[in-house]
């Protein structure tokens, strides 16, 4: 039998992980764990930091193609084909622990086009999927002026709209409109465990 692990062994591992993470992150690696968490938590944290820094870059577009999903240009698909392709993309992304949100202001074609030309091409790290992990793609996540306008127009409740008006009294507040599409409630979500296989009626 091997020797039982001591606190010194764990402290040494944590210090090695810290140095490894700092070397990988260069000057940008400034994170420090305050001495308020147990050593097991600190070790797990630094291990995850190091794994993230070491992981290669990819895109969700490439991950989908590697998973066997073809991604034809939007203009090459008729409406039925595009809707079927969109849901194939959505469900395969969920298997990769990638979840899409805030889509009900977009038609199927608009959403697929936005994913194909923008969101799926953003670089991300290659990390092993885990049940506790998730990457969220929010269609209004850029917080641009147009994103804010669409959020206030379609998604914000009365309290959020009122607070926005109080915080930004000089910004015009768009009239509320009902969302033109009903897709978000059907989208796979992180707490599903495995993505739903059904498609919308």
N, C-alpha and C. Protein backbone atom coordinates (compact mmCIF):
# COMPACT_ATOMS: atom_id res chain seq x y z
N UNK A 1 0.84 -1.20 0.00
CA UNK A 1 0.00 0.00 0.00
C UNK A 1 0.87 1.25 0.00
N UNK A 2 0.41 2.30 -0.69
CA UNK A 2 1.15 3.54 -0.72
C UNK A 2 1.00 4.31 0.57
N UNK A 3 1.83 5.29 0.74
CA UNK A 3 1.78 6.11 1.95
C UNK A 3 0.53 6.99 1.90
N UNK A 4 -0.12 7.20 3.05
CA UNK A 4 -1.30 8.08 3.06
C UNK A 4 -0.91 9.50 2.70
N UNK A 5 -1.83 10.17 2.00
CA UNK A 5 -1.56 11.54 1.58
C UNK A 5 -1.57 12.47 2.78
N UNK A 6 -0.66 13.42 2.80
CA UNK A 6 -0.60 14.41 3.87
C UNK A 6 -1.06 15.76 3.34
N UNK A 7 -1.31 16.69 4.28
CA UNK A 7 -1.68 18.05 3.88
C UNK A 7 -0.59 18.69 3.05
N UNK A 8 0.68 18.35 3.38
CA UNK A 8 1.80 18.91 2.62
C UNK A 8 1.74 18.48 1.16
N UNK A 9 1.35 17.20 0.92
CA UNK A 9 1.24 16.71 -0.46
C UNK A 9 0.22 17.54 -1.23
N UNK A 10 -0.93 17.78 -0.62
CA UNK A 10 -1.97 18.55 -1.30
C UNK A 10 -1.53 19.99 -1.51
N UNK A 11 -0.88 20.58 -0.51
CA UNK A 11 -0.39 21.95 -0.65
C UNK A 11 0.58 22.06 -1.82
N UNK A 12 1.46 21.07 -1.95
CA UNK A 12 2.42 21.09 -3.05
C UNK A 12 1.72 20.98 -4.40
N UNK A 13 0.70 20.11 -4.47
CA UNK A 13 -0.05 19.98 -5.73
C UNK A 13 -0.74 21.29 -6.09
N UNK A 14 -1.32 21.94 -5.08
CA UNK A 14 -2.00 23.21 -5.33
C UNK A 14 -1.01 24.25 -5.83
N UNK A 15 0.16 24.33 -5.22
CA UNK A 15 1.16 25.30 -5.65
C UNK A 15 1.62 25.01 -7.08
N UNK A 16 1.77 23.72 -7.42
CA UNK A 16 2.17 23.36 -8.79
C UNK A 16 1.09 23.77 -9.78
N UNK A 17 -0.17 23.54 -9.41
CA UNK A 17 -1.28 23.91 -10.29
C UNK A 17 -1.34 25.43 -10.46
N UNK A 18 -1.11 26.16 -9.38
CA UNK A 18 -1.10 27.62 -9.47
C UNK A 18 -0.03 28.10 -10.45
N UNK A 19 1.18 27.57 -10.28
CA UNK A 19 2.27 27.99 -11.16
C UNK A 19 1.97 27.63 -12.61
N UNK A 20 1.40 26.42 -12.80
CA UNK A 20 1.07 25.98 -14.15
C UNK A 20 0.04 26.91 -14.77
N UNK A 21 -1.00 27.26 -13.99
CA UNK A 21 -2.05 28.15 -14.50
C UNK A 21 -1.50 29.53 -14.80
N UNK A 22 -0.63 30.05 -13.91
CA UNK A 22 -0.06 31.37 -14.11
C UNK A 22 0.85 31.41 -15.34
N UNK A 23 1.63 30.33 -15.53
CA UNK A 23 2.50 30.26 -16.71
C UNK A 23 1.68 30.23 -17.99
N UNK A 24 0.59 29.49 -17.96
CA UNK A 24 -0.26 29.39 -19.15
C UNK A 24 -0.98 30.69 -19.43
N UNK A 25 -1.41 31.37 -18.37
CA UNK A 25 -2.20 32.59 -18.54
C UNK A 25 -1.36 33.83 -18.66
N UNK A 26 -0.06 33.76 -18.41
CA UNK A 26 0.80 34.93 -18.52
C UNK A 26 0.36 36.03 -17.58
N UNK A 27 0.51 37.27 -18.00
CA UNK A 27 0.20 38.42 -17.15
C UNK A 27 -1.29 38.52 -16.84
N UNK A 28 -2.11 37.86 -17.66
CA UNK A 28 -3.56 37.98 -17.44
C UNK A 28 -4.04 37.07 -16.33
N UNK A 29 -3.22 36.13 -15.90
CA UNK A 29 -3.65 35.21 -14.85
C UNK A 29 -3.42 35.86 -13.49
N UNK A 30 -4.40 36.62 -13.03
CA UNK A 30 -4.27 37.34 -11.77
C UNK A 30 -5.16 36.75 -10.68
N UNK A 31 -5.94 35.73 -11.02
CA UNK A 31 -6.91 35.19 -10.06
C UNK A 31 -6.18 34.57 -8.88
N UNK A 32 -6.73 34.76 -7.71
CA UNK A 32 -6.21 34.13 -6.50
C UNK A 32 -7.40 33.61 -5.70
N UNK A 33 -7.24 32.46 -5.08
CA UNK A 33 -8.28 31.92 -4.22
C UNK A 33 -8.00 32.36 -2.80
N UNK A 34 -8.93 33.06 -2.19
CA UNK A 34 -8.74 33.50 -0.82
C UNK A 34 -8.70 32.29 0.09
N UNK A 35 -8.03 32.43 1.20
CA UNK A 35 -7.87 31.29 2.11
C UNK A 35 -9.10 30.99 2.90
N UNK A 36 -10.25 30.99 2.28
CA UNK A 36 -11.50 30.73 3.00
C UNK A 36 -12.16 29.45 2.54
N UNK A 37 -11.59 28.77 1.57
CA UNK A 37 -12.20 27.55 1.07
C UNK A 37 -11.30 26.36 1.43
N UNK A 38 -11.88 25.18 1.55
CA UNK A 38 -11.08 24.01 1.91
C UNK A 38 -10.07 23.68 0.80
N UNK A 39 -8.98 23.01 1.15
CA UNK A 39 -7.94 22.69 0.17
C UNK A 39 -8.47 21.92 -1.03
N UNK A 40 -9.46 21.03 -0.82
CA UNK A 40 -10.01 20.25 -1.94
C UNK A 40 -10.64 21.16 -2.98
N UNK A 41 -11.35 22.19 -2.51
CA UNK A 41 -11.99 23.13 -3.43
C UNK A 41 -10.95 23.96 -4.16
N UNK A 42 -9.92 24.40 -3.44
CA UNK A 42 -8.87 25.20 -4.06
C UNK A 42 -8.12 24.39 -5.11
N UNK A 43 -7.86 23.11 -4.80
CA UNK A 43 -7.15 22.26 -5.76
C UNK A 43 -7.99 22.05 -7.01
N UNK A 44 -9.29 21.81 -6.83
CA UNK A 44 -10.18 21.62 -7.97
C UNK A 44 -10.23 22.87 -8.83
N UNK A 45 -10.30 24.05 -8.18
CA UNK A 45 -10.34 25.31 -8.91
C UNK A 45 -9.10 25.48 -9.78
N UNK A 46 -7.92 25.30 -9.21
CA UNK A 46 -6.70 25.53 -9.97
C UNK A 46 -6.52 24.48 -11.06
N UNK A 47 -7.00 23.27 -10.82
CA UNK A 47 -6.95 22.25 -11.85
C UNK A 47 -7.80 22.66 -13.04
N UNK A 48 -9.00 23.18 -12.77
CA UNK A 48 -9.89 23.60 -13.85
C UNK A 48 -9.31 24.79 -14.60
N UNK A 49 -8.67 25.72 -13.87
CA UNK A 49 -8.04 26.87 -14.52
C UNK A 49 -6.95 26.40 -15.49
N UNK A 50 -6.11 25.48 -15.00
CA UNK A 50 -5.01 24.98 -15.83
C UNK A 50 -5.54 24.23 -17.05
N UNK A 51 -6.58 23.40 -16.84
CA UNK A 51 -7.15 22.65 -17.96
C UNK A 51 -7.73 23.60 -19.00
N UNK A 52 -8.38 24.67 -18.54
CA UNK A 52 -8.96 25.64 -19.47
C UNK A 52 -7.86 26.33 -20.28
N UNK A 53 -6.81 26.76 -19.61
CA UNK A 53 -5.74 27.46 -20.30
C UNK A 53 -5.01 26.56 -21.29
N UNK A 54 -4.92 25.27 -20.99
CA UNK A 54 -4.21 24.33 -21.86
C UNK A 54 -5.05 23.87 -23.05
N UNK A 55 -6.37 23.98 -22.91
CA UNK A 55 -7.26 23.44 -23.94
C UNK A 55 -7.10 24.21 -25.25
N UNK A 56 -7.15 23.51 -26.38
CA UNK A 56 -7.07 24.19 -27.68
C UNK A 56 -8.37 24.94 -27.99
N UNK A 57 -8.28 25.83 -28.98
CA UNK A 57 -9.45 26.60 -29.40
C UNK A 57 -10.17 25.88 -30.54
N UNK A 58 -11.48 26.10 -30.60
CA UNK A 58 -12.29 25.58 -31.70
C UNK A 58 -13.48 26.51 -31.87
N UNK A 59 -14.43 26.11 -32.69
CA UNK A 59 -15.70 26.83 -32.82
C UNK A 59 -16.83 25.82 -32.70
N UNK A 60 -18.01 26.29 -32.35
CA UNK A 60 -19.17 25.39 -32.32
C UNK A 60 -19.49 24.89 -33.73
N UNK A 61 -19.19 25.69 -34.73
CA UNK A 61 -19.38 25.27 -36.13
C UNK A 61 -18.56 24.01 -36.39
N UNK A 62 -17.29 24.04 -36.00
CA UNK A 62 -16.41 22.89 -36.21
C UNK A 62 -16.87 21.71 -35.36
N UNK A 63 -17.30 21.96 -34.13
CA UNK A 63 -17.76 20.87 -33.27
C UNK A 63 -18.99 20.18 -33.86
N UNK A 64 -19.88 20.96 -34.43
CA UNK A 64 -21.07 20.38 -35.05
C UNK A 64 -20.68 19.51 -36.25
N UNK A 65 -19.80 20.03 -37.09
CA UNK A 65 -19.36 19.25 -38.25
C UNK A 65 -18.65 17.97 -37.80
N UNK A 66 -17.86 18.06 -36.73
CA UNK A 66 -17.18 16.87 -36.21
C UNK A 66 -18.18 15.86 -35.67
N UNK A 67 -19.34 16.34 -35.22
CA UNK A 67 -20.39 15.46 -34.71
C UNK A 67 -21.26 14.90 -35.83
N UNK A 68 -20.91 15.22 -37.08
CA UNK A 68 -21.65 14.69 -38.22
C UNK A 68 -22.79 15.55 -38.71
N UNK A 69 -22.87 16.78 -38.24
CA UNK A 69 -23.95 17.68 -38.66
C UNK A 69 -23.44 18.54 -39.82
N UNK A 70 -24.07 18.42 -40.98
CA UNK A 70 -23.73 19.31 -42.09
C UNK A 70 -24.36 20.67 -41.84
N UNK A 71 -23.70 21.71 -42.32
CA UNK A 71 -24.18 23.07 -42.08
C UNK A 71 -24.23 23.84 -43.40
N UNK A 72 -25.24 23.54 -44.21
CA UNK A 72 -25.37 24.24 -45.49
C UNK A 72 -25.70 25.71 -45.30
N UNK A 73 -25.36 26.50 -46.29
CA UNK A 73 -25.66 27.93 -46.23
C UNK A 73 -27.17 28.14 -46.16
N UNK A 74 -27.63 29.13 -45.43
CA UNK A 74 -29.07 29.37 -45.30
C UNK A 74 -29.79 29.50 -46.64
N UNK A 75 -29.17 30.19 -47.59
CA UNK A 75 -29.80 30.44 -48.88
C UNK A 75 -29.98 29.16 -49.71
N UNK A 76 -29.29 28.10 -49.32
CA UNK A 76 -29.39 26.84 -50.08
C UNK A 76 -30.54 25.97 -49.61
N UNK A 77 -31.26 26.39 -48.56
CA UNK A 77 -32.32 25.58 -47.97
C UNK A 77 -33.67 26.25 -48.16
N UNK A 78 -34.69 25.44 -48.49
CA UNK A 78 -36.05 25.99 -48.48
C UNK A 78 -36.52 26.06 -47.03
N UNK A 79 -37.69 26.61 -46.79
CA UNK A 79 -38.14 26.87 -45.42
C UNK A 79 -38.25 25.60 -44.59
N UNK A 80 -38.80 24.53 -45.16
CA UNK A 80 -38.94 23.29 -44.41
C UNK A 80 -37.57 22.68 -44.09
N UNK A 81 -36.70 22.66 -45.07
CA UNK A 81 -35.35 22.12 -44.86
C UNK A 81 -34.61 22.93 -43.81
N UNK A 82 -34.78 24.24 -43.86
CA UNK A 82 -34.08 25.09 -42.91
C UNK A 82 -34.56 24.85 -41.49
N UNK A 83 -35.88 24.73 -41.30
CA UNK A 83 -36.41 24.47 -39.96
C UNK A 83 -35.90 23.13 -39.42
N UNK A 84 -35.89 22.11 -40.26
CA UNK A 84 -35.38 20.81 -39.83
C UNK A 84 -33.90 20.89 -39.47
N UNK A 85 -33.13 21.61 -40.27
CA UNK A 85 -31.70 21.77 -39.99
C UNK A 85 -31.48 22.56 -38.71
N UNK A 86 -32.28 23.60 -38.51
CA UNK A 86 -32.15 24.41 -37.30
C UNK A 86 -32.32 23.57 -36.05
N UNK A 87 -33.35 22.72 -36.04
CA UNK A 87 -33.58 21.91 -34.84
C UNK A 87 -32.54 20.81 -34.68
N UNK A 88 -31.99 20.33 -35.78
CA UNK A 88 -30.88 19.39 -35.67
C UNK A 88 -29.69 20.08 -35.00
N UNK A 89 -29.41 21.30 -35.40
CA UNK A 89 -28.32 22.07 -34.81
C UNK A 89 -28.59 22.31 -33.32
N UNK A 90 -29.80 22.73 -32.99
CA UNK A 90 -30.15 23.04 -31.61
C UNK A 90 -29.95 21.82 -30.71
N UNK A 91 -30.43 20.65 -31.14
CA UNK A 91 -30.35 19.46 -30.30
C UNK A 91 -28.93 18.91 -30.23
N UNK A 92 -28.19 19.02 -31.31
CA UNK A 92 -26.80 18.55 -31.26
C UNK A 92 -25.96 19.47 -30.38
N UNK A 93 -26.19 20.76 -30.44
CA UNK A 93 -25.50 21.67 -29.54
C UNK A 93 -25.80 21.33 -28.08
N UNK A 94 -27.03 20.97 -27.78
CA UNK A 94 -27.39 20.62 -26.41
C UNK A 94 -26.62 19.38 -25.94
N UNK A 95 -26.41 18.43 -26.83
CA UNK A 95 -25.59 17.27 -26.49
C UNK A 95 -24.16 17.68 -26.15
N UNK A 96 -23.72 18.78 -26.75
CA UNK A 96 -22.38 19.32 -26.48
C UNK A 96 -22.40 20.28 -25.29
N UNK A 97 -23.55 20.37 -24.59
CA UNK A 97 -23.74 21.25 -23.45
C UNK A 97 -23.70 22.72 -23.85
N UNK A 98 -24.24 23.01 -25.04
CA UNK A 98 -24.36 24.38 -25.52
C UNK A 98 -25.85 24.67 -25.70
N UNK A 99 -26.34 25.72 -25.07
CA UNK A 99 -27.77 25.98 -25.04
C UNK A 99 -28.07 27.39 -25.57
N UNK A 100 -29.06 27.45 -26.46
CA UNK A 100 -29.44 28.71 -27.10
C UNK A 100 -30.63 29.32 -26.35
N UNK A 101 -30.61 30.65 -26.20
CA UNK A 101 -31.66 31.33 -25.44
C UNK A 101 -32.08 32.62 -26.14
N UNK A 102 -33.26 33.09 -25.78
CA UNK A 102 -33.82 34.36 -26.28
C UNK A 102 -33.88 34.37 -27.81
N UNK A 103 -34.72 33.50 -28.35
CA UNK A 103 -34.81 33.39 -29.81
C UNK A 103 -36.19 33.76 -30.36
N UNK A 104 -37.15 34.04 -29.49
CA UNK A 104 -38.54 34.18 -29.97
C UNK A 104 -38.81 35.44 -30.77
N UNK A 105 -37.84 36.32 -30.89
CA UNK A 105 -38.02 37.50 -31.75
C UNK A 105 -37.51 37.22 -33.17
N UNK A 106 -36.97 36.03 -33.40
CA UNK A 106 -36.38 35.68 -34.68
C UNK A 106 -37.17 34.56 -35.36
N UNK A 107 -37.34 34.66 -36.66
CA UNK A 107 -37.90 33.55 -37.43
C UNK A 107 -36.87 32.43 -37.50
N UNK A 108 -37.28 31.25 -37.95
CA UNK A 108 -36.32 30.15 -38.11
C UNK A 108 -35.18 30.55 -39.03
N UNK A 109 -35.52 31.21 -40.11
CA UNK A 109 -34.48 31.60 -41.07
C UNK A 109 -33.53 32.63 -40.47
N UNK A 110 -34.08 33.61 -39.77
CA UNK A 110 -33.25 34.63 -39.13
C UNK A 110 -32.32 34.01 -38.09
N UNK A 111 -32.86 33.07 -37.30
CA UNK A 111 -32.06 32.43 -36.26
C UNK A 111 -30.95 31.58 -36.86
N UNK A 112 -31.29 30.75 -37.85
CA UNK A 112 -30.27 29.90 -38.47
C UNK A 112 -29.19 30.76 -39.15
N UNK A 113 -29.62 31.82 -39.80
CA UNK A 113 -28.66 32.69 -40.47
C UNK A 113 -27.72 33.34 -39.45
N UNK A 114 -28.27 33.77 -38.30
CA UNK A 114 -27.45 34.40 -37.27
C UNK A 114 -26.46 33.39 -36.69
N UNK A 115 -26.92 32.17 -36.45
CA UNK A 115 -26.01 31.14 -35.95
C UNK A 115 -24.92 30.84 -36.97
N UNK A 116 -25.32 30.68 -38.22
CA UNK A 116 -24.41 30.24 -39.29
C UNK A 116 -23.35 31.29 -39.59
N UNK A 117 -23.74 32.56 -39.54
CA UNK A 117 -22.81 33.63 -39.93
C UNK A 117 -22.07 34.25 -38.75
N UNK A 118 -22.51 33.97 -37.53
CA UNK A 118 -21.94 34.69 -36.39
C UNK A 118 -21.67 33.77 -35.20
N UNK A 119 -22.73 33.40 -34.47
CA UNK A 119 -22.55 32.73 -33.17
C UNK A 119 -21.72 31.46 -33.24
N UNK A 120 -21.96 30.63 -34.24
CA UNK A 120 -21.26 29.35 -34.31
C UNK A 120 -19.79 29.51 -34.71
N UNK A 121 -19.42 30.69 -35.16
CA UNK A 121 -18.04 30.93 -35.60
C UNK A 121 -17.18 31.54 -34.51
N UNK A 122 -17.77 31.89 -33.38
CA UNK A 122 -16.99 32.44 -32.28
C UNK A 122 -16.11 31.36 -31.68
N UNK A 123 -14.89 31.71 -31.34
CA UNK A 123 -13.96 30.73 -30.80
C UNK A 123 -14.33 30.36 -29.37
N UNK A 124 -14.13 29.08 -29.05
CA UNK A 124 -14.39 28.57 -27.71
C UNK A 124 -13.35 27.49 -27.40
N UNK A 125 -13.21 27.17 -26.15
CA UNK A 125 -12.23 26.16 -25.74
C UNK A 125 -12.79 24.76 -25.92
N UNK A 126 -11.92 23.81 -26.26
CA UNK A 126 -12.30 22.41 -26.36
C UNK A 126 -12.20 21.79 -24.97
N UNK A 127 -13.34 21.65 -24.31
CA UNK A 127 -13.39 21.05 -22.98
C UNK A 127 -14.33 19.86 -23.00
N UNK A 128 -14.01 18.86 -22.21
CA UNK A 128 -14.85 17.67 -22.15
C UNK A 128 -16.22 18.05 -21.61
N UNK A 129 -17.32 17.66 -22.30
CA UNK A 129 -18.65 17.97 -21.79
C UNK A 129 -18.88 17.34 -20.43
N UNK A 130 -19.52 18.07 -19.54
CA UNK A 130 -19.83 17.55 -18.21
C UNK A 130 -21.26 17.94 -17.87
N UNK A 131 -21.92 17.08 -17.07
CA UNK A 131 -23.32 17.32 -16.74
C UNK A 131 -23.50 18.65 -16.01
N UNK A 132 -22.48 19.08 -15.29
CA UNK A 132 -22.59 20.31 -14.51
C UNK A 132 -22.17 21.55 -15.29
N UNK A 133 -21.71 21.37 -16.53
CA UNK A 133 -21.22 22.50 -17.30
C UNK A 133 -22.24 22.91 -18.36
N UNK A 134 -22.10 24.13 -18.82
CA UNK A 134 -22.99 24.60 -19.88
C UNK A 134 -22.41 25.86 -20.50
N UNK A 135 -22.61 26.00 -21.80
CA UNK A 135 -22.25 27.21 -22.53
C UNK A 135 -23.54 27.77 -23.09
N UNK A 136 -23.81 29.04 -22.81
CA UNK A 136 -25.08 29.64 -23.22
C UNK A 136 -24.85 30.62 -24.36
N UNK A 137 -25.64 30.46 -25.41
CA UNK A 137 -25.63 31.41 -26.52
C UNK A 137 -26.92 32.21 -26.43
N UNK A 138 -26.81 33.46 -26.01
CA UNK A 138 -27.96 34.34 -25.91
C UNK A 138 -28.00 35.25 -27.12
N UNK A 139 -29.11 35.22 -27.81
CA UNK A 139 -29.22 36.01 -29.03
C UNK A 139 -29.12 37.51 -28.75
N UNK A 140 -29.41 37.94 -27.53
CA UNK A 140 -29.30 39.35 -27.16
C UNK A 140 -28.17 39.56 -26.17
N UNK A 141 -27.21 38.66 -26.16
CA UNK A 141 -26.16 38.69 -25.16
C UNK A 141 -25.08 39.73 -25.38
N UNK A 142 -25.05 40.36 -26.54
CA UNK A 142 -23.99 41.33 -26.81
C UNK A 142 -24.23 42.67 -26.11
N UNK A 143 -25.47 42.88 -25.64
CA UNK A 143 -25.84 44.11 -24.93
C UNK A 143 -25.57 45.37 -25.78
N UNK A 144 -25.70 45.23 -27.07
CA UNK A 144 -25.59 46.39 -27.94
C UNK A 144 -26.87 47.23 -27.81
N UNK A 145 -26.85 48.41 -28.41
CA UNK A 145 -28.04 49.24 -28.38
C UNK A 145 -29.24 48.54 -28.98
N UNK A 146 -29.02 47.81 -30.08
CA UNK A 146 -30.12 47.08 -30.72
C UNK A 146 -30.58 45.92 -29.86
N UNK A 147 -29.63 45.22 -29.21
CA UNK A 147 -30.01 44.14 -28.31
C UNK A 147 -30.87 44.67 -27.16
N UNK A 148 -30.45 45.79 -26.59
CA UNK A 148 -31.22 46.38 -25.49
C UNK A 148 -32.62 46.77 -25.95
N UNK A 149 -32.71 47.33 -27.15
CA UNK A 149 -34.01 47.74 -27.68
C UNK A 149 -34.94 46.54 -27.85
N UNK A 150 -34.40 45.45 -28.40
CA UNK A 150 -35.20 44.25 -28.61
C UNK A 150 -35.60 43.62 -27.27
N UNK A 151 -34.67 43.64 -26.31
CA UNK A 151 -35.00 43.09 -24.99
C UNK A 151 -36.16 43.87 -24.37
N UNK A 152 -36.07 45.19 -24.39
CA UNK A 152 -37.12 46.02 -23.80
C UNK A 152 -38.43 45.88 -24.55
N UNK A 153 -38.35 45.71 -25.84
CA UNK A 153 -39.55 45.62 -26.67
C UNK A 153 -40.28 44.29 -26.46
N UNK A 154 -39.52 43.19 -26.35
CA UNK A 154 -40.14 41.87 -26.37
C UNK A 154 -40.05 41.10 -25.04
N UNK A 155 -38.95 41.21 -24.33
CA UNK A 155 -38.69 40.29 -23.22
C UNK A 155 -38.86 40.90 -21.83
N UNK A 156 -38.59 42.19 -21.69
CA UNK A 156 -38.61 42.82 -20.37
C UNK A 156 -40.03 42.89 -19.80
N UNK A 157 -40.16 42.58 -18.51
CA UNK A 157 -41.46 42.73 -17.86
C UNK A 157 -41.64 44.19 -17.44
N UNK A 158 -42.78 44.49 -16.86
CA UNK A 158 -43.10 45.88 -16.52
C UNK A 158 -42.09 46.46 -15.54
N UNK A 159 -41.68 45.67 -14.53
CA UNK A 159 -40.72 46.17 -13.55
C UNK A 159 -39.39 46.49 -14.21
N UNK A 160 -38.92 45.60 -15.08
CA UNK A 160 -37.64 45.82 -15.76
C UNK A 160 -37.70 47.05 -16.64
N UNK A 161 -38.82 47.24 -17.31
CA UNK A 161 -38.96 48.42 -18.18
C UNK A 161 -38.98 49.70 -17.34
N UNK A 162 -39.66 49.63 -16.19
CA UNK A 162 -39.72 50.82 -15.32
C UNK A 162 -38.35 51.16 -14.77
N UNK A 163 -37.60 50.14 -14.31
CA UNK A 163 -36.26 50.39 -13.79
C UNK A 163 -35.34 50.95 -14.87
N UNK A 164 -35.48 50.42 -16.07
CA UNK A 164 -34.66 50.92 -17.18
C UNK A 164 -34.95 52.40 -17.43
N UNK A 165 -36.23 52.75 -17.41
CA UNK A 165 -36.61 54.14 -17.66
C UNK A 165 -36.07 55.06 -16.56
N UNK A 166 -36.06 54.57 -15.31
CA UNK A 166 -35.52 55.35 -14.20
C UNK A 166 -34.01 55.53 -14.33
N UNK A 167 -33.32 54.46 -14.75
CA UNK A 167 -31.86 54.51 -14.86
C UNK A 167 -31.38 55.27 -16.09
N UNK A 168 -32.19 55.22 -17.16
CA UNK A 168 -31.79 55.86 -18.42
C UNK A 168 -32.95 56.72 -18.94
N UNK A 169 -33.25 57.80 -18.23
CA UNK A 169 -34.45 58.60 -18.58
C UNK A 169 -34.38 59.25 -19.96
N UNK A 170 -33.18 59.40 -20.50
CA UNK A 170 -33.04 60.04 -21.81
C UNK A 170 -33.13 59.05 -22.97
N UNK A 171 -33.15 57.75 -22.64
CA UNK A 171 -33.24 56.73 -23.69
C UNK A 171 -34.71 56.47 -24.02
N UNK A 172 -35.07 56.47 -25.30
CA UNK A 172 -36.46 56.17 -25.66
C UNK A 172 -36.80 54.72 -25.29
N UNK A 173 -37.95 54.51 -24.71
CA UNK A 173 -38.40 53.18 -24.32
C UNK A 173 -39.38 52.67 -25.37
N UNK A 174 -39.03 51.60 -26.09
CA UNK A 174 -39.94 51.11 -27.13
C UNK A 174 -41.23 50.56 -26.54
N UNK A 175 -42.29 50.66 -27.29
CA UNK A 175 -43.56 50.07 -26.87
C UNK A 175 -43.40 48.56 -26.79
N UNK A 176 -44.04 47.99 -25.76
CA UNK A 176 -43.97 46.53 -25.63
C UNK A 176 -44.78 45.86 -26.74
N UNK A 177 -44.22 44.79 -27.28
CA UNK A 177 -44.94 43.97 -28.25
C UNK A 177 -44.80 42.50 -27.87
N UNK A 178 -45.82 41.72 -28.16
CA UNK A 178 -45.74 40.28 -27.92
C UNK A 178 -44.73 39.65 -28.86
N UNK A 179 -44.06 38.63 -28.38
CA UNK A 179 -43.07 37.94 -29.20
C UNK A 179 -43.75 37.30 -30.40
N UNK A 180 -43.16 37.44 -31.59
CA UNK A 180 -43.81 36.91 -32.80
C UNK A 180 -43.68 35.41 -32.98
N UNK A 181 -42.77 34.76 -32.22
CA UNK A 181 -42.56 33.32 -32.38
C UNK A 181 -42.60 32.64 -31.02
N UNK A 182 -42.78 31.33 -31.03
CA UNK A 182 -42.96 30.56 -29.78
C UNK A 182 -42.01 29.37 -29.82
N UNK A 183 -40.73 29.63 -29.66
CA UNK A 183 -39.72 28.60 -29.78
C UNK A 183 -38.99 28.34 -28.45
N UNK A 184 -38.78 29.38 -27.67
CA UNK A 184 -37.91 29.26 -26.50
C UNK A 184 -38.36 28.18 -25.52
N UNK A 185 -39.68 28.01 -25.34
CA UNK A 185 -40.15 27.01 -24.39
C UNK A 185 -39.84 25.59 -24.84
N UNK A 186 -39.53 25.40 -26.13
CA UNK A 186 -39.21 24.08 -26.66
C UNK A 186 -37.71 23.81 -26.69
N UNK A 187 -36.90 24.83 -26.44
CA UNK A 187 -35.46 24.66 -26.54
C UNK A 187 -34.93 23.80 -25.39
N UNK A 188 -33.97 22.92 -25.67
CA UNK A 188 -33.33 22.17 -24.58
C UNK A 188 -32.70 23.13 -23.59
N UNK A 189 -32.78 22.77 -22.33
CA UNK A 189 -32.19 23.60 -21.29
C UNK A 189 -31.25 22.75 -20.43
N UNK A 190 -30.36 23.41 -19.75
CA UNK A 190 -29.32 22.71 -18.99
C UNK A 190 -29.89 21.70 -18.02
N UNK A 191 -31.00 22.02 -17.34
CA UNK A 191 -31.51 21.13 -16.31
C UNK A 191 -32.31 19.96 -16.88
N UNK A 192 -32.37 19.82 -18.21
CA UNK A 192 -33.06 18.68 -18.79
C UNK A 192 -32.29 17.39 -18.58
N UNK A 193 -30.97 17.46 -18.42
CA UNK A 193 -30.15 16.26 -18.37
C UNK A 193 -29.74 15.85 -19.75
N UNK A 194 -30.69 15.50 -20.59
CA UNK A 194 -30.42 15.23 -22.00
C UNK A 194 -31.43 16.02 -22.80
N UNK A 195 -31.04 16.54 -23.93
CA UNK A 195 -31.93 17.41 -24.69
C UNK A 195 -33.17 16.68 -25.20
N UNK A 196 -34.26 17.41 -25.23
CA UNK A 196 -35.50 16.83 -25.75
C UNK A 196 -35.34 16.53 -27.23
N UNK A 197 -35.97 15.47 -27.66
CA UNK A 197 -35.83 15.08 -29.06
C UNK A 197 -37.00 15.55 -29.90
N UNK A 198 -38.03 16.06 -29.25
CA UNK A 198 -39.21 16.44 -30.03
C UNK A 198 -38.99 17.75 -30.74
N UNK A 199 -39.67 17.94 -31.83
CA UNK A 199 -39.61 19.17 -32.58
C UNK A 199 -40.94 19.89 -32.45
N UNK A 200 -40.99 21.16 -32.73
CA UNK A 200 -42.24 21.91 -32.54
C UNK A 200 -43.32 21.46 -33.50
N UNK A 201 -44.55 21.58 -33.06
CA UNK A 201 -45.69 21.25 -33.92
C UNK A 201 -45.83 22.32 -34.99
